[in-house]
Every structure is written in structure tokens, then in C-alpha cells.
């Protein structure tokens, strides 16, 4: 369940937003004004913030600037103001998106989902010091980078994601090169050989993990 901070000086708007979001499995925290919002943000973790602009004491622009001093939480600004310069100002201050009131419920949900998808990290797999990081497209052993080709990286990562499962050469071709590829099994063997050599050179005991299943294909086996 995603946790969202709702910030507005009007309780009616906070209640309406909560009414929209709760059926879609959002856990809502309501802050009446900027100072209450800052108190929550300094003591709790949120997945996204919906922030009104026109508030007394501290407006949404100033609050956005304050939030960006210590957090990169996604921020959607909600406001009745439609001026182009207001939108540009909000985005320049660190907001991720901007919607004007009255807004469409489905559009708000879609924009929130899009922001949250972008923040969802790709898998990170660690096996005895060997670290495969999808987002960084990087394989390291004891913090030393192992330079693999994109296909080698994808193949090693796929096997690490599915330990003890045997993949035939044909399955690996379809998964890594695609269904329409004319790549042959010999290409898989060549990539396996090259990847193993590069990882072996780093000092990681790759032959204990990246296993050939003779007559079938390859698998990754994690030690107990």
C-alpha cells in the first residue's frame, strides 16, 4: 500500500482527496497547511505528496522548496491557478507534476501511478559479493566493476533471478535476443564462455554458480 501525504488548508478538499484515493489502496495522511505537512515529512516516510498551492502562512511553492531541501519524494501540485507561469514556477521549484482544480479523478490516479512507477527500482541481486544492478546496468564483485556486453549482462541477470532453473539455449535466445532472432545456440555458448571468463577474472568463483547442464542448457545455482 502506497502512503500519500495530502496537503491543503481546506479540510473539505483533504476529505475529498482521501475519498478518491482510499478505494485504490492508498494510505492517506492529511496535513492542514504547510507547517503540519513539514512536521509529518520530517518524521515519516511517504511515497508521494499532493500539494495545494494557495495556502496561508506558507504557500505550496515555498513548501515545495522546503521539501526539496531534504527529500526527493514525488510531488504533484494541485491548484485552481491555471497560469502557465505558475506551472513553470512549480516545476522549477522541484514539483514533478501539476494539476488544476477541479481535476478528473481518473487522471489524478493515472498521474500518481506514473510517478510511482518511475520511482520503483529495478531488481538488485547479490550473491556472495557479486552484485547485479538492473537500473545501473552494472555487475560488480567486491565493488569492482565487471564489464559485460549488454547481452551478457541480461543473460547473467536472468539466470541469477531464477536460481536452480534450467534454461535451454533456445529459451535464452528468445528471452535475450527475441522470438524473431536468427541467433544460434553457438552464440549462446560463446556469450556464456565470455561472461564466465570476465567474472572469473574478477575473483568470483563463477564456475560454482553458473552451471552447464550438458545436453540441455544452463542454470544458476546458489550455494546453501
C-alpha atoms as a PDB file:
ATOM      1  CA  UNK A   1       0.000   0.000   0.000  1.00  0.00           C
ATOM      2  CA  UNK A   2       1.383   3.394  -1.060  1.00  0.00           C
ATOM      3  CA  UNK A   3       1.478   6.173   1.528  1.00  0.00           C
ATOM      4  CA  UNK A   4       0.427   9.629   0.331  1.00  0.00           C
ATOM      5  CA  UNK A   5       0.597  12.971   2.140  1.00  0.00           C
ATOM      6  CA  UNK A   6      -2.303  15.293   1.289  1.00  0.00           C
ATOM      7  CA  UNK A   7      -1.590  18.978   1.935  1.00  0.00           C
ATOM      8  CA  UNK A   8      -4.304  21.654   1.776  1.00  0.00           C
ATOM      9  CA  UNK A   9      -5.645  24.357   4.061  1.00  0.00           C
ATOM     10  CA  UNK A  10      -9.238  23.258   3.310  1.00  0.00           C
ATOM     11  CA  UNK A  11     -10.361  20.198   5.256  1.00  0.00           C
ATOM     12  CA  UNK A  12     -13.141  19.599   2.714  1.00  0.00           C
ATOM     13  CA  UNK A  13     -10.582  19.152  -0.071  1.00  0.00           C
ATOM     14  CA  UNK A  14      -8.466  16.835   2.089  1.00  0.00           C
ATOM     15  CA  UNK A  15     -11.504  14.677   2.819  1.00  0.00           C
ATOM     16  CA  UNK A  16     -12.454  14.616  -0.876  1.00  0.00           C
ATOM     17  CA  UNK A  17      -8.949  13.511  -1.921  1.00  0.00           C
ATOM     18  CA  UNK A  18      -8.966  10.787   0.705  1.00  0.00           C
ATOM     19  CA  UNK A  19     -12.360   9.638  -0.558  1.00  0.00           C
ATOM     20  CA  UNK A  20     -10.893   9.344  -4.088  1.00  0.00           C
ATOM     21  CA  UNK A  21      -7.713   7.541  -3.076  1.00  0.00           C
ATOM     22  CA  UNK A  22      -8.645   5.081  -0.323  1.00  0.00           C
ATOM     23  CA  UNK A  23     -10.539   2.666  -2.621  1.00  0.00           C
ATOM     24  CA  UNK A  24      -7.342   2.443  -4.716  1.00  0.00           C
ATOM     25  CA  UNK A  25      -5.267   1.228  -1.768  1.00  0.00           C
ATOM     26  CA  UNK A  26      -3.572   4.499  -0.855  1.00  0.00           C
ATOM     27  CA  UNK A  27      -2.893   5.162   2.814  1.00  0.00           C
ATOM     28  CA  UNK A  28      -3.669   8.854   3.263  1.00  0.00           C
ATOM     29  CA  UNK A  29      -2.212  11.267   5.800  1.00  0.00           C
ATOM     30  CA  UNK A  30      -3.895  14.684   5.839  1.00  0.00           C
ATOM     31  CA  UNK A  31      -1.973  17.864   6.680  1.00  0.00           C
ATOM     32  CA  UNK A  32      -3.907  21.094   7.179  1.00  0.00           C
ATOM     33  CA  UNK A  33      -1.365  23.588   5.928  1.00  0.00           C
ATOM     34  CA  UNK A  34       2.356  23.662   5.196  1.00  0.00           C
ATOM     35  CA  UNK A  35       3.750  23.589   8.725  1.00  0.00           C
ATOM     36  CA  UNK A  36       1.819  20.466   9.667  1.00  0.00           C
ATOM     37  CA  UNK A  37       2.999  18.884   6.412  1.00  0.00           C
ATOM     38  CA  UNK A  38       6.643  19.637   7.229  1.00  0.00           C
ATOM     39  CA  UNK A  39       6.224  18.067  10.659  1.00  0.00           C
ATOM     40  CA  UNK A  40       4.943  14.855   9.085  1.00  0.00           C
ATOM     41  CA  UNK A  41       7.611  14.811   6.378  1.00  0.00           C
ATOM     42  CA  UNK A  42      10.406  15.177   8.921  1.00  0.00           C
ATOM     43  CA  UNK A  43       9.192  12.223  10.986  1.00  0.00           C
ATOM     44  CA  UNK A  44       7.555   9.841   8.485  1.00  0.00           C
ATOM     45  CA  UNK A  45       8.226   8.388   5.041  1.00  0.00           C
ATOM     46  CA  UNK A  46       5.796   8.998   2.186  1.00  0.00           C
ATOM     47  CA  UNK A  47       5.661   7.634  -1.355  1.00  0.00           C
ATOM     48  CA  UNK A  48       4.074  10.749  -2.876  1.00  0.00           C
ATOM     49  CA  UNK A  49       2.780  14.210  -1.890  1.00  0.00           C
ATOM     50  CA  UNK A  50      -0.302  16.009  -3.260  1.00  0.00           C
ATOM     51  CA  UNK A  51       0.249  19.671  -2.565  1.00  0.00           C
ATOM     52  CA  UNK A  52      -2.107  22.660  -2.812  1.00  0.00           C
ATOM     53  CA  UNK A  53      -0.524  25.999  -3.754  1.00  0.00           C
ATOM     54  CA  UNK A  54      -2.800  28.680  -2.338  1.00  0.00           C
ATOM     55  CA  UNK A  55      -2.364  28.308   1.429  1.00  0.00           C
ATOM     56  CA  UNK A  56      -1.929  30.995   4.102  1.00  0.00           C
ATOM     57  CA  UNK A  57       1.313  31.471   6.063  1.00  0.00           C
ATOM     58  CA  UNK A  58       3.376  29.326   3.662  1.00  0.00           C
ATOM     59  CA  UNK A  59       2.179  28.646   0.129  1.00  0.00           C
ATOM     60  CA  UNK A  60       2.743  25.491  -1.890  1.00  0.00           C
ATOM     61  CA  UNK A  61       5.676  26.925  -3.794  1.00  0.00           C
ATOM     62  CA  UNK A  62       7.577  27.712  -0.617  1.00  0.00           C
ATOM     63  CA  UNK A  63       6.658  24.340   0.877  1.00  0.00           C
ATOM     64  CA  UNK A  64       7.878  22.575  -2.257  1.00  0.00           C
ATOM     65  CA  UNK A  65      11.196  24.428  -1.951  1.00  0.00           C
ATOM     66  CA  UNK A  66      11.484  23.397   1.717  1.00  0.00           C
ATOM     67  CA  UNK A  67      10.687  19.744   0.951  1.00  0.00           C
ATOM     68  CA  UNK A  68      13.351  19.610  -1.736  1.00  0.00           C
ATOM     69  CA  UNK A  69      15.990  20.613   0.809  1.00  0.00           C
ATOM     70  CA  UNK A  70      15.767  17.156   2.408  1.00  0.00           C
ATOM     71  CA  UNK A  71      13.591  14.861   0.280  1.00  0.00           C
ATOM     72  CA  UNK A  72      13.097  13.744  -3.327  1.00  0.00           C
ATOM     73  CA  UNK A  73       9.584  12.413  -2.695  1.00  0.00           C
ATOM     74  CA  UNK A  74       7.375  12.840  -5.810  1.00  0.00           C
ATOM     75  CA  UNK A  75       5.204  15.973  -5.600  1.00  0.00           C
ATOM     76  CA  UNK A  76       2.057  16.733  -7.587  1.00  0.00           C
ATOM     77  CA  UNK A  77       0.815  20.301  -7.179  1.00  0.00           C
ATOM     78  CA  UNK A  78      -2.965  20.733  -7.135  1.00  0.00           C
ATOM     79  CA  UNK A  79      -4.310  24.234  -7.608  1.00  0.00           C
ATOM     80  CA  UNK A  80      -7.092  26.368  -9.060  1.00  0.00           C
ATOM     81  CA  UNK A  81      -4.486  28.555 -10.769  1.00  0.00           C
ATOM     82  CA  UNK A  82      -4.044  27.784 -14.462  1.00  0.00           C
ATOM     83  CA  UNK A  83      -1.481  30.397 -15.475  1.00  0.00           C
ATOM     84  CA  UNK A  84       1.431  28.978 -17.471  1.00  0.00           C
ATOM     85  CA  UNK A  85       3.957  30.869 -15.365  1.00  0.00           C
ATOM     86  CA  UNK A  86       2.584  29.212 -12.209  1.00  0.00           C
ATOM     87  CA  UNK A  87       3.053  25.777 -13.706  1.00  0.00           C
ATOM     88  CA  UNK A  88       6.603  26.597 -14.783  1.00  0.00           C
ATOM     89  CA  UNK A  89       7.404  28.045 -11.373  1.00  0.00           C
ATOM     90  CA  UNK A  90       6.185  24.927  -9.584  1.00  0.00           C
ATOM     91  CA  UNK A  91       8.161  22.597 -11.834  1.00  0.00           C
ATOM     92  CA  UNK A  92      11.290  24.704 -11.479  1.00  0.00           C
ATOM     93  CA  UNK A  93      10.989  24.507  -7.703  1.00  0.00           C
ATOM     94  CA  UNK A  94      11.065  20.717  -7.842  1.00  0.00           C
ATOM     95  CA  UNK A  95       7.471  19.594  -8.353  1.00  0.00           C
ATOM     96  CA  UNK A  96       7.093  16.517 -10.552  1.00  0.00           C
ATOM     97  CA  UNK A  97       3.641  17.242 -11.950  1.00  0.00           C
ATOM     98  CA  UNK A  98       0.847  19.825 -11.844  1.00  0.00           C
ATOM     99  CA  UNK A  99      -2.966  19.560 -11.992  1.00  0.00           C
ATOM    100  CA  UNK A 100      -5.603  22.257 -11.844  1.00  0.00           C
ATOM    101  CA  UNK A 101      -8.834  22.049  -9.850  1.00  0.00           C
ATOM    102  CA  UNK A 102     -11.372  20.749 -10.484  1.00  0.00           C
ATOM    103  CA  UNK A 103      -9.461  17.684 -11.659  1.00  0.00           C
ATOM    104  CA  UNK A 104     -10.543  14.383 -13.099  1.00  0.00           C
ATOM    105  CA  UNK A 105     -10.225  11.560 -10.579  1.00  0.00           C
ATOM    106  CA  UNK A 106      -9.023   9.019 -13.126  1.00  0.00           C
ATOM    107  CA  UNK A 107      -6.404  11.401 -14.498  1.00  0.00           C
ATOM    108  CA  UNK A 108      -5.087  12.091 -10.994  1.00  0.00           C
ATOM    109  CA  UNK A 109      -4.802   8.372 -10.278  1.00  0.00           C
ATOM    110  CA  UNK A 110      -3.023   7.811 -13.590  1.00  0.00           C
ATOM    111  CA  UNK A 111      -0.519  10.600 -12.946  1.00  0.00           C
ATOM    112  CA  UNK A 112       0.181   9.303  -9.445  1.00  0.00           C
ATOM    113  CA  UNK A 113       0.696   5.788 -10.762  1.00  0.00           C
ATOM    114  CA  UNK A 114       3.066   7.045 -13.464  1.00  0.00           C
ATOM    115  CA  UNK A 115       5.239   8.876 -10.935  1.00  0.00           C
ATOM    116  CA  UNK A 116       5.321   5.912  -8.585  1.00  0.00           C
ATOM    117  CA  UNK A 117       6.272   3.552 -11.428  1.00  0.00           C
ATOM    118  CA  UNK A 118       9.258   5.721 -12.285  1.00  0.00           C
ATOM    119  CA  UNK A 119      10.455   5.535  -8.697  1.00  0.00           C
ATOM    120  CA  UNK A 120      10.148   1.769  -8.438  1.00  0.00           C
ATOM    121  CA  UNK A 121      13.709   0.488  -8.563  1.00  0.00           C
ATOM    122  CA  UNK A 122      14.790  -2.341 -10.813  1.00  0.00           C
ATOM    123  CA  UNK A 123      15.972  -5.539  -9.199  1.00  0.00           C
ATOM    124  CA  UNK A 124      19.252  -5.751  -7.321  1.00  0.00           C
ATOM    125  CA  UNK A 125      20.573  -9.275  -6.831  1.00  0.00           C
ATOM    126  CA  UNK A 126      23.504 -10.100  -4.558  1.00  0.00           C
ATOM    127  CA  UNK A 127      25.192 -13.486  -4.379  1.00  0.00           C
ATOM    128  CA  UNK A 128      28.257 -13.823  -2.159  1.00  0.00           C
ATOM    129  CA  UNK A 129      29.562 -10.370  -3.057  1.00  0.00           C
ATOM    130  CA  UNK A 130      28.557 -10.481  -6.718  1.00  0.00           C
ATOM    131  CA  UNK A 131      26.062  -7.633  -7.246  1.00  0.00           C
ATOM    132  CA  UNK A 132      23.815  -7.372 -10.313  1.00  0.00           C
ATOM    133  CA  UNK A 133      22.005  -3.995 -10.543  1.00  0.00           C
ATOM    134  CA  UNK A 134      19.482  -3.606 -13.334  1.00  0.00           C
ATOM    135  CA  UNK A 135      18.940   0.175 -13.064  1.00  0.00           C
ATOM    136  CA  UNK A 136      22.670   0.920 -13.159  1.00  0.00           C
ATOM    137  CA  UNK A 137      23.259  -1.796 -15.770  1.00  0.00           C
ATOM    138  CA  UNK A 138      26.240  -2.877 -13.702  1.00  0.00           C
ATOM    139  CA  UNK A 139      27.743  -6.105 -12.400  1.00  0.00           C
ATOM    140  CA  UNK A 140      30.294  -5.783  -9.604  1.00  0.00           C
ATOM    141  CA  UNK A 141      32.256  -8.081  -7.337  1.00  0.00           C
ATOM    142  CA  UNK A 142      33.532  -6.645  -4.076  1.00  0.00           C
ATOM    143  CA  UNK A 143      32.801  -3.177  -5.514  1.00  0.00           C
ATOM    144  CA  UNK A 144      34.919  -3.772  -8.655  1.00  0.00           C
ATOM    145  CA  UNK A 145      33.033  -3.420 -11.946  1.00  0.00           C
ATOM    146  CA  UNK A 146      32.900  -6.385 -14.327  1.00  0.00           C
ATOM    147  CA  UNK A 147      32.479  -5.116 -17.887  1.00  0.00           C
ATOM    148  CA  UNK A 148      29.941  -7.287 -19.686  1.00  0.00           C
ATOM    149  CA  UNK A 149      28.266  -6.679 -23.014  1.00  0.00           C
ATOM    150  CA  UNK A 150      24.529  -5.845 -22.815  1.00  0.00           C
ATOM    151  CA  UNK A 151      23.551  -9.383 -23.878  1.00  0.00           C
ATOM    152  CA  UNK A 152      25.962 -10.961 -21.379  1.00  0.00           C
ATOM    153  CA  UNK A 153      24.610  -8.713 -18.637  1.00  0.00           C
ATOM    154  CA  UNK A 154      20.995  -9.600 -19.430  1.00  0.00           C
ATOM    155  CA  UNK A 155      21.748 -13.319 -19.605  1.00  0.00           C
ATOM    156  CA  UNK A 156      23.626 -13.413 -16.300  1.00  0.00           C
ATOM    157  CA  UNK A 157      20.902 -11.354 -14.631  1.00  0.00           C
ATOM    158  CA  UNK A 158      18.121 -13.585 -15.932  1.00  0.00           C
ATOM    159  CA  UNK A 159      19.817 -16.702 -14.600  1.00  0.00           C
ATOM    160  CA  UNK A 160      20.526 -15.036 -11.226  1.00  0.00           C
ATOM    161  CA  UNK A 161      16.845 -14.041 -10.958  1.00  0.00           C
ATOM    162  CA  UNK A 162      15.794 -17.675 -11.386  1.00  0.00           C
ATOM    163  CA  UNK A 163      18.240 -19.799  -9.374  1.00  0.00           C
ATOM    164  CA  UNK A 164      18.217 -23.568  -9.956  1.00  0.00           C
ATOM    165  CA  UNK A 165      16.005 -23.282 -13.031  1.00  0.00           C
ATOM    166  CA  UNK A 166      17.487 -24.761 -16.198  1.00  0.00           C
ATOM    167  CA  UNK A 167      17.138 -22.705 -19.379  1.00  0.00           C
ATOM    168  CA  UNK A 168      17.715 -24.257 -22.781  1.00  0.00           C
ATOM    169  CA  UNK A 169      19.743 -22.399 -25.384  1.00  0.00           C
ATOM    170  CA  UNK A 170      16.531 -21.802 -27.339  1.00  0.00           C
ATOM    171  CA  UNK A 171      14.827 -20.270 -24.298  1.00  0.00           C
ATOM    172  CA  UNK A 172      17.765 -17.945 -23.683  1.00  0.00           C
ATOM    173  CA  UNK A 173      17.751 -16.849 -27.326  1.00  0.00           C
ATOM    174  CA  UNK A 174      14.046 -15.984 -27.103  1.00  0.00           C
ATOM    175  CA  UNK A 175      14.440 -14.208 -23.747  1.00  0.00           C
ATOM    176  CA  UNK A 176      17.568 -12.198 -24.592  1.00  0.00           C
ATOM    177  CA  UNK A 177      17.524 -11.798 -28.389  1.00  0.00           C
ATOM    178  CA  UNK A 178      13.789 -12.092 -29.072  1.00  0.00           C
ATOM    179  CA  UNK A 179      11.491 -14.533 -30.812  1.00  0.00           C
ATOM    180  CA  UNK A 180      12.405 -13.403 -34.315  1.00  0.00           C
ATOM    181  CA  UNK A 181      16.142 -13.685 -33.822  1.00  0.00           C
ATOM    182  CA  UNK A 182      18.201 -15.907 -36.110  1.00  0.00           C
ATOM    183  CA  UNK A 183      20.790 -16.372 -33.353  1.00  0.00           C
ATOM    184  CA  UNK A 184      22.000 -19.944 -32.966  1.00  0.00           C
ATOM    185  CA  UNK A 185      22.913 -21.988 -29.918  1.00  0.00           C
ATOM    186  CA  UNK A 186      26.622 -21.478 -30.627  1.00  0.00           C
ATOM    187  CA  UNK A 187      26.159 -17.764 -29.953  1.00  0.00           C
ATOM    188  CA  UNK A 188      24.748 -18.554 -26.509  1.00  0.00           C
ATOM    189  CA  UNK A 189      27.730 -20.794 -25.762  1.00  0.00           C
ATOM    190  CA  UNK A 190      30.091 -18.028 -26.836  1.00  0.00           C
ATOM    191  CA  UNK A 191      28.381 -15.455 -24.618  1.00  0.00           C
ATOM    192  CA  UNK A 192      28.400 -17.852 -21.682  1.00  0.00           C
ATOM    193  CA  UNK A 193      32.104 -18.531 -22.153  1.00  0.00           C
ATOM    194  CA  UNK A 194      32.975 -14.831 -22.381  1.00  0.00           C
ATOM    195  CA  UNK A 195      30.821 -13.847 -19.409  1.00  0.00           C
ATOM    196  CA  UNK A 196      32.280 -16.595 -17.244  1.00  0.00           C
ATOM    197  CA  UNK A 197      35.818 -15.579 -18.140  1.00  0.00           C
ATOM    198  CA  UNK A 198      35.210 -11.932 -17.279  1.00  0.00           C
ATOM    199  CA  UNK A 199      33.561 -12.786 -13.965  1.00  0.00           C
ATOM    200  CA  UNK A 200      36.219 -15.390 -13.147  1.00  0.00           C
ATOM    201  CA  UNK A 201      38.909 -12.773 -13.742  1.00  0.00           C
ATOM    202  CA  UNK A 202      37.319 -10.613 -11.006  1.00  0.00           C
ATOM    203  CA  UNK A 203      37.971 -13.340  -8.450  1.00  0.00           C
ATOM    204  CA  UNK A 204      34.377 -14.520  -8.071  1.00  0.00           C
ATOM    205  CA  UNK A 205      34.116 -18.372  -8.228  1.00  0.00           C
ATOM    206  CA  UNK A 206      31.720 -18.277 -11.173  1.00  0.00           C
ATOM    207  CA  UNK A 207      32.117 -21.962 -12.026  1.00  0.00           C
ATOM    208  CA  UNK A 208      30.480 -22.884  -8.733  1.00  0.00           C
ATOM    209  CA  UNK A 209      27.344 -20.931  -9.688  1.00  0.00           C
ATOM    210  CA  UNK A 210      26.977 -20.635 -13.467  1.00  0.00           C
ATOM    211  CA  UNK A 211      26.448 -24.284 -14.324  1.00  0.00           C
ATOM    212  CA  UNK A 212      26.294 -26.080 -17.670  1.00  0.00           C
ATOM    213  CA  UNK A 213      23.576 -28.732 -17.811  1.00  0.00           C
ATOM    214  CA  UNK A 214      25.008 -30.943 -20.502  1.00  0.00           C
ATOM    215  CA  UNK A 215      22.719 -31.581 -23.454  1.00  0.00           C
ATOM    216  CA  UNK A 216      20.142 -29.061 -22.201  1.00  0.00           C
ATOM    217  CA  UNK A 217      21.436 -25.580 -21.364  1.00  0.00           C
ATOM    218  CA  UNK A 218      22.467 -23.524 -18.355  1.00  0.00           C
ATOM    219  CA  UNK A 219      21.394 -22.644 -14.828  1.00  0.00           C
ATOM    220  CA  UNK A 220      22.465 -20.558 -11.844  1.00  0.00           C
ATOM    221  CA  UNK A 221      22.884 -22.448  -8.571  1.00  0.00           C
ATOM    222  CA  UNK A 222      23.199 -20.593  -5.286  1.00  0.00           C
ATOM    223  CA  UNK A 223      25.185 -22.192  -2.501  1.00  0.00           C
ATOM    224  CA  UNK A 224      23.297 -23.224   0.613  1.00  0.00           C
END
